[in-house]
Protein backbone atom coordinates (compact mmCIF):
# COMPACT_ATOMS: atom_id res chain seq x y z
CA MET A 1 207.99 38.34 153.22
CA SER A 2 205.35 36.07 151.70
CA LYS A 3 204.91 35.84 147.94
CA PRO A 4 202.19 38.20 146.61
CA GLU A 5 198.90 36.66 145.53
CA SER A 6 198.53 36.07 141.80
CA THR A 7 195.88 38.81 141.59
CA ASN A 8 198.32 41.53 142.72
CA TYR A 9 199.53 42.88 139.41
CA ASN A 10 198.65 45.65 136.99
CA SER A 11 197.11 44.87 133.60
CA THR A 12 194.87 46.31 130.93
CA ASN A 13 192.82 44.24 128.51
CA ARG A 14 190.24 44.98 125.83
CA LEU A 15 186.90 43.54 126.90
CA TYR A 16 184.04 42.85 124.50
CA LEU A 17 180.69 42.29 126.24
CA LEU A 18 178.41 40.54 123.75
CA ARG A 19 174.72 39.88 124.22
CA HIS A 20 173.66 36.45 122.93
CA GLY A 21 171.74 35.87 119.70
CA GLU A 22 167.97 35.79 119.48
CA ASN A 23 166.15 33.03 121.38
CA PRO A 24 162.41 32.28 121.84
CA ALA A 25 162.22 34.17 125.16
CA ASN A 26 163.18 37.36 123.31
CA ILE A 27 160.01 36.95 121.26
CA THR A 28 157.62 35.83 124.01
CA LYS A 29 159.18 38.25 126.55
CA VAL A 30 159.19 35.64 129.35
CA PHE A 31 161.86 35.99 132.02
CA SER A 32 164.64 33.44 131.71
CA ASN A 33 167.59 32.84 134.00
CA HIS A 34 167.30 29.31 135.47
CA LEU A 35 164.04 27.46 134.80
CA VAL A 36 163.56 28.70 131.24
CA ASP A 37 166.60 27.83 129.14
CA GLN A 38 166.09 27.79 125.38
CA PRO A 39 168.55 27.62 122.47
CA LEU A 40 168.87 30.17 119.70
CA THR A 41 166.25 30.68 117.04
CA GLU A 42 167.24 30.25 113.38
CA LYS A 43 167.82 34.01 113.25
CA GLY A 44 169.85 33.82 116.44
CA VAL A 45 172.16 31.25 114.85
CA LEU A 46 172.59 33.53 111.83
CA GLN A 47 173.38 36.46 114.14
CA ALA A 48 176.01 34.37 115.94
CA GLU A 49 177.55 33.27 112.64
CA GLN A 50 177.83 36.85 111.40
CA THR A 51 179.28 37.89 114.75
CA ALA A 52 181.83 35.09 114.43
CA ASP A 53 182.82 36.42 111.00
CA TYR A 54 183.37 39.86 112.53
CA PHE A 55 185.45 38.68 115.46
CA ALA A 56 187.54 36.46 113.19
CA GLY A 57 189.34 39.67 112.25
CA GLN A 58 189.72 41.11 115.75
CA GLY A 59 192.45 38.86 117.17
CA LEU A 60 190.57 37.55 120.19
CA ASP A 61 192.61 35.73 122.82
CA ALA A 62 189.85 34.22 124.97
CA ILE A 63 186.09 33.63 125.04
CA TYR A 64 183.91 33.23 128.15
CA SER A 65 180.18 32.63 128.38
CA SER A 66 177.15 32.39 130.61
CA PRO A 67 175.99 28.77 131.05
CA LEU A 68 172.53 29.48 129.62
CA LYS A 69 171.98 27.80 126.23
CA ARG A 70 171.42 30.99 124.23
CA ALA A 71 174.75 32.43 125.40
CA ALA A 72 176.74 29.19 125.34
CA GLN A 73 175.52 28.41 121.82
CA THR A 74 176.44 31.91 120.63
CA ALA A 75 179.88 31.60 122.22
CA GLY A 76 180.36 28.11 120.77
CA ILE A 77 179.63 29.28 117.22
CA ILE A 78 182.15 32.11 117.59
CA ALA A 79 184.76 29.90 119.27
CA SER A 80 184.49 27.26 116.54
CA ARG A 81 185.00 29.87 113.82
CA LEU A 82 188.07 31.29 115.62
CA GLY A 83 189.62 27.99 116.71
CA LEU A 84 189.25 28.89 120.39
CA LYS A 85 187.57 27.28 123.39
CA ALA A 86 184.58 28.94 125.04
CA THR A 87 184.90 28.73 128.83
CA ILE A 88 181.59 28.62 130.71
CA LEU A 89 181.40 30.71 133.90
CA GLU A 90 178.36 30.58 136.17
CA ALA A 91 179.11 34.17 137.19
CA PHE A 92 177.81 35.48 133.85
CA ARG A 93 174.31 33.96 134.19
CA GLU A 94 171.42 36.41 133.72
CA ILE A 95 169.83 38.24 136.68
CA ASN A 96 167.96 35.92 139.04
CA VAL A 97 164.48 37.44 138.96
CA GLY A 98 163.09 34.85 141.36
CA LEU A 99 159.33 34.39 141.18
CA LEU A 100 159.04 36.32 137.91
CA GLU A 101 160.52 33.38 136.02
CA GLY A 102 158.60 30.32 134.88
CA ARG A 103 155.25 31.99 134.24
CA PRO A 104 153.83 33.99 131.34
CA ALA A 105 155.17 37.52 131.61
CA THR A 106 152.52 40.14 132.29
CA PRO A 107 152.60 43.95 132.03
CA ALA A 108 152.60 44.03 135.84
CA ASP A 109 155.67 41.76 136.00
CA TRP A 110 157.54 43.89 133.49
CA ALA A 111 156.55 47.06 135.36
CA PHE A 112 157.97 45.52 138.55
CA HIS A 113 161.15 44.56 136.68
CA THR A 114 161.49 48.15 135.47
CA GLN A 115 160.96 49.40 139.01
CA MET A 116 163.75 47.13 140.26
CA MET A 117 166.16 48.33 137.56
CA HIS A 118 165.49 51.95 138.48
CA ALA A 119 166.02 51.19 142.15
CA TRP A 120 169.41 49.64 141.39
CA PHE A 121 170.41 52.51 139.12
CA ASP A 122 169.46 54.88 141.97
CA GLY A 123 171.71 53.06 144.43
CA GLN A 124 169.06 51.03 146.27
CA HIS A 125 171.25 47.96 146.12
CA GLU A 126 169.49 46.07 148.93
CA ALA A 127 166.29 45.87 146.84
CA ALA A 128 165.77 42.28 145.70
CA PHE A 129 163.49 40.33 143.40
CA PRO A 130 161.23 38.06 145.50
CA GLU A 131 163.25 34.85 145.97
CA GLY A 132 165.83 36.34 143.60
CA GLU A 133 168.93 38.55 143.74
CA ASN A 134 169.68 41.97 145.08
CA TYR A 135 172.23 44.18 143.35
CA HIS A 136 175.04 43.43 145.81
CA ASP A 137 174.83 39.74 144.87
CA LEU A 138 174.63 40.50 141.16
CA TRP A 139 177.63 42.84 141.07
CA ALA A 140 179.68 40.50 143.26
CA ARG A 141 179.33 37.61 140.84
CA MET A 142 179.83 39.75 137.72
CA ASN A 143 182.99 41.17 139.28
CA ASP A 144 184.17 37.66 140.22
CA GLY A 145 183.55 36.48 136.66
CA LEU A 146 185.58 39.32 135.16
CA LEU A 147 188.39 38.76 137.65
CA ALA A 148 188.49 35.10 136.60
CA ALA A 149 188.40 36.01 132.89
CA THR A 150 191.32 38.45 133.24
CA GLU A 151 193.45 36.39 135.63
CA GLY A 152 197.03 36.31 134.31
CA ARG A 153 196.12 38.29 131.18
CA SER A 154 197.56 41.59 130.01
CA GLY A 155 197.18 43.34 126.66
CA GLN A 156 194.69 40.74 125.47
CA LYS A 157 191.27 40.83 123.82
CA ILE A 158 188.59 38.99 125.77
CA LEU A 159 185.03 38.24 124.68
CA VAL A 160 182.32 37.63 127.30
CA VAL A 161 179.00 36.35 125.92
CA GLY A 162 176.18 37.07 128.32
CA HIS A 163 172.89 38.85 128.83
CA GLY A 164 171.48 42.33 128.48
CA GLY A 165 170.25 42.58 132.05
CA ILE A 166 173.36 41.72 134.03
CA MET A 167 175.77 43.42 131.63
CA SER A 168 173.76 46.66 131.36
CA ILE A 169 173.10 47.21 135.05
CA THR A 170 176.60 46.32 136.28
CA LEU A 171 178.28 48.59 133.75
CA LYS A 172 177.65 51.48 136.14
CA ASP A 173 180.13 49.96 138.60
CA LEU A 174 182.49 48.53 136.02
CA CYS A 175 182.80 51.96 134.34
CA PRO A 176 182.20 54.43 137.20
CA ASP A 177 182.64 57.50 134.98
CA LEU A 178 179.52 56.62 132.98
CA ASP A 179 176.45 58.84 133.09
CA VAL A 180 173.95 56.59 134.88
CA ASP A 181 170.98 58.59 133.59
CA TRP A 182 172.15 57.85 130.03
CA LEU A 183 172.77 54.20 130.80
CA ARG A 184 169.29 53.60 132.21
CA THR A 185 167.65 54.74 128.94
CA THR A 186 169.64 52.48 126.60
CA LEU A 187 168.93 49.07 125.09
CA TRP A 188 171.26 46.22 124.16
CA ASP A 189 170.39 44.30 120.99
CA ASN A 190 170.92 40.62 120.26
CA CYS A 191 174.52 39.89 119.20
CA ALA A 192 175.48 43.53 119.77
CA PHE A 193 178.71 44.15 121.65
CA THR A 194 179.97 46.84 123.98
CA GLU A 195 183.70 47.55 124.09
CA VAL A 196 185.57 48.40 127.30
CA ASP A 197 189.20 49.03 128.20
CA LEU A 198 189.44 47.05 131.43
CA SER A 199 192.23 47.84 133.87
CA ARG A 200 193.07 45.59 136.79
CA GLN A 201 195.25 46.60 139.71
CA ASP A 202 195.70 44.57 142.88
CA GLY A 203 192.53 42.62 142.20
CA ARG A 204 190.37 45.67 141.47
CA LEU A 205 188.72 46.33 138.11
CA ARG A 206 188.03 49.64 136.44
CA GLY A 207 186.62 50.01 132.94
CA ARG A 208 186.48 52.78 130.39
CA LEU A 209 183.64 52.58 127.86
CA LEU A 210 184.83 52.76 124.24
CA SER A 211 181.68 51.83 122.31
CA TRP A 212 178.14 50.75 123.07
CA ASN A 213 175.67 48.31 121.48
CA GLN A 214 177.61 47.79 118.25
CA HIS A 215 175.62 45.73 115.75
CA HIS A 216 176.99 47.08 112.46
CA HIS A 217 178.32 43.60 111.66
CA LEU A 218 174.78 42.21 111.35
CA HIS A 219 173.06 42.29 107.97
CA GLY A 220 170.09 40.84 106.13
CA ALA A 221 167.66 38.86 108.27
CA ALA A 222 170.09 38.95 111.21
CA ALA A 223 169.73 42.72 111.41
CA ASP A 224 165.96 42.46 111.97
CA LEU A 225 166.34 43.03 115.71
CA VAL A 226 163.65 42.23 118.26
CA PRO A 227 163.33 44.76 121.14
CA GLY A 228 164.67 43.37 124.40
CA VAL A 229 161.67 44.53 126.40
CA PRO A 230 157.94 44.87 125.63
CA GLN A 231 157.62 47.98 123.49
CA ASP A 232 155.11 49.59 125.83
CA GLU A 233 157.73 49.41 128.58
CA GLY A 234 160.19 51.56 126.62
CA PRO A 235 163.99 51.54 126.78
CA GLU A 236 164.13 52.38 130.49
CA ALA A 237 163.04 48.82 131.28
CA THR A 238 166.60 47.64 130.53
CA PRO A 239 166.88 44.50 128.39
CA GLU A 240 166.37 41.20 130.17
CA LYS A 241 166.96 37.59 129.04
């Protein structure tokens, strides 16, 4: 009998999904996943520093990040404070919105983005952004990223620094017991984290949501949070960038 693959084992880890700190695209509301790649604002740095102070007391074992500057910089600030290394994984990059990126965002573009999010929440997973991703592609890479982040780990605390769009929409498959109608009406603030018990068995992941959009660790100017979507779009737009 051949030796089992390394992924064939049972494990449970505590997963913290953290949205990056504030960056200029959060203010201008432009779409940003490849062409637009900006670092944190001064407030975003402060948010990351306060988040680092919080996680210094949580006993993290590993930190992973999207390659985009706003996420990698957030992860780097936290990693430096904790004496850990932040590992960059392409899988955690924000949703590829195709032609929506690289131009001034308009109400029509945001309305289309909202329409796409609703389609994915409703199970229309073949729907795709023009020259961008469909949901099958998005979930596949998020799942691959989490499999890589949990490989060989059990009973550990893992921080993934990423983006409101990809983390919000894929949570419906990561935590299948979630109420999708509730999930589609929520927002995810800068440097807020969502906590999940993540079980892995024979290469399959299943999460259980423990807390959502926690930003109690932010204070002062860092707690002056910018909405993730244009305010006239409302929470059902799902935060992007």
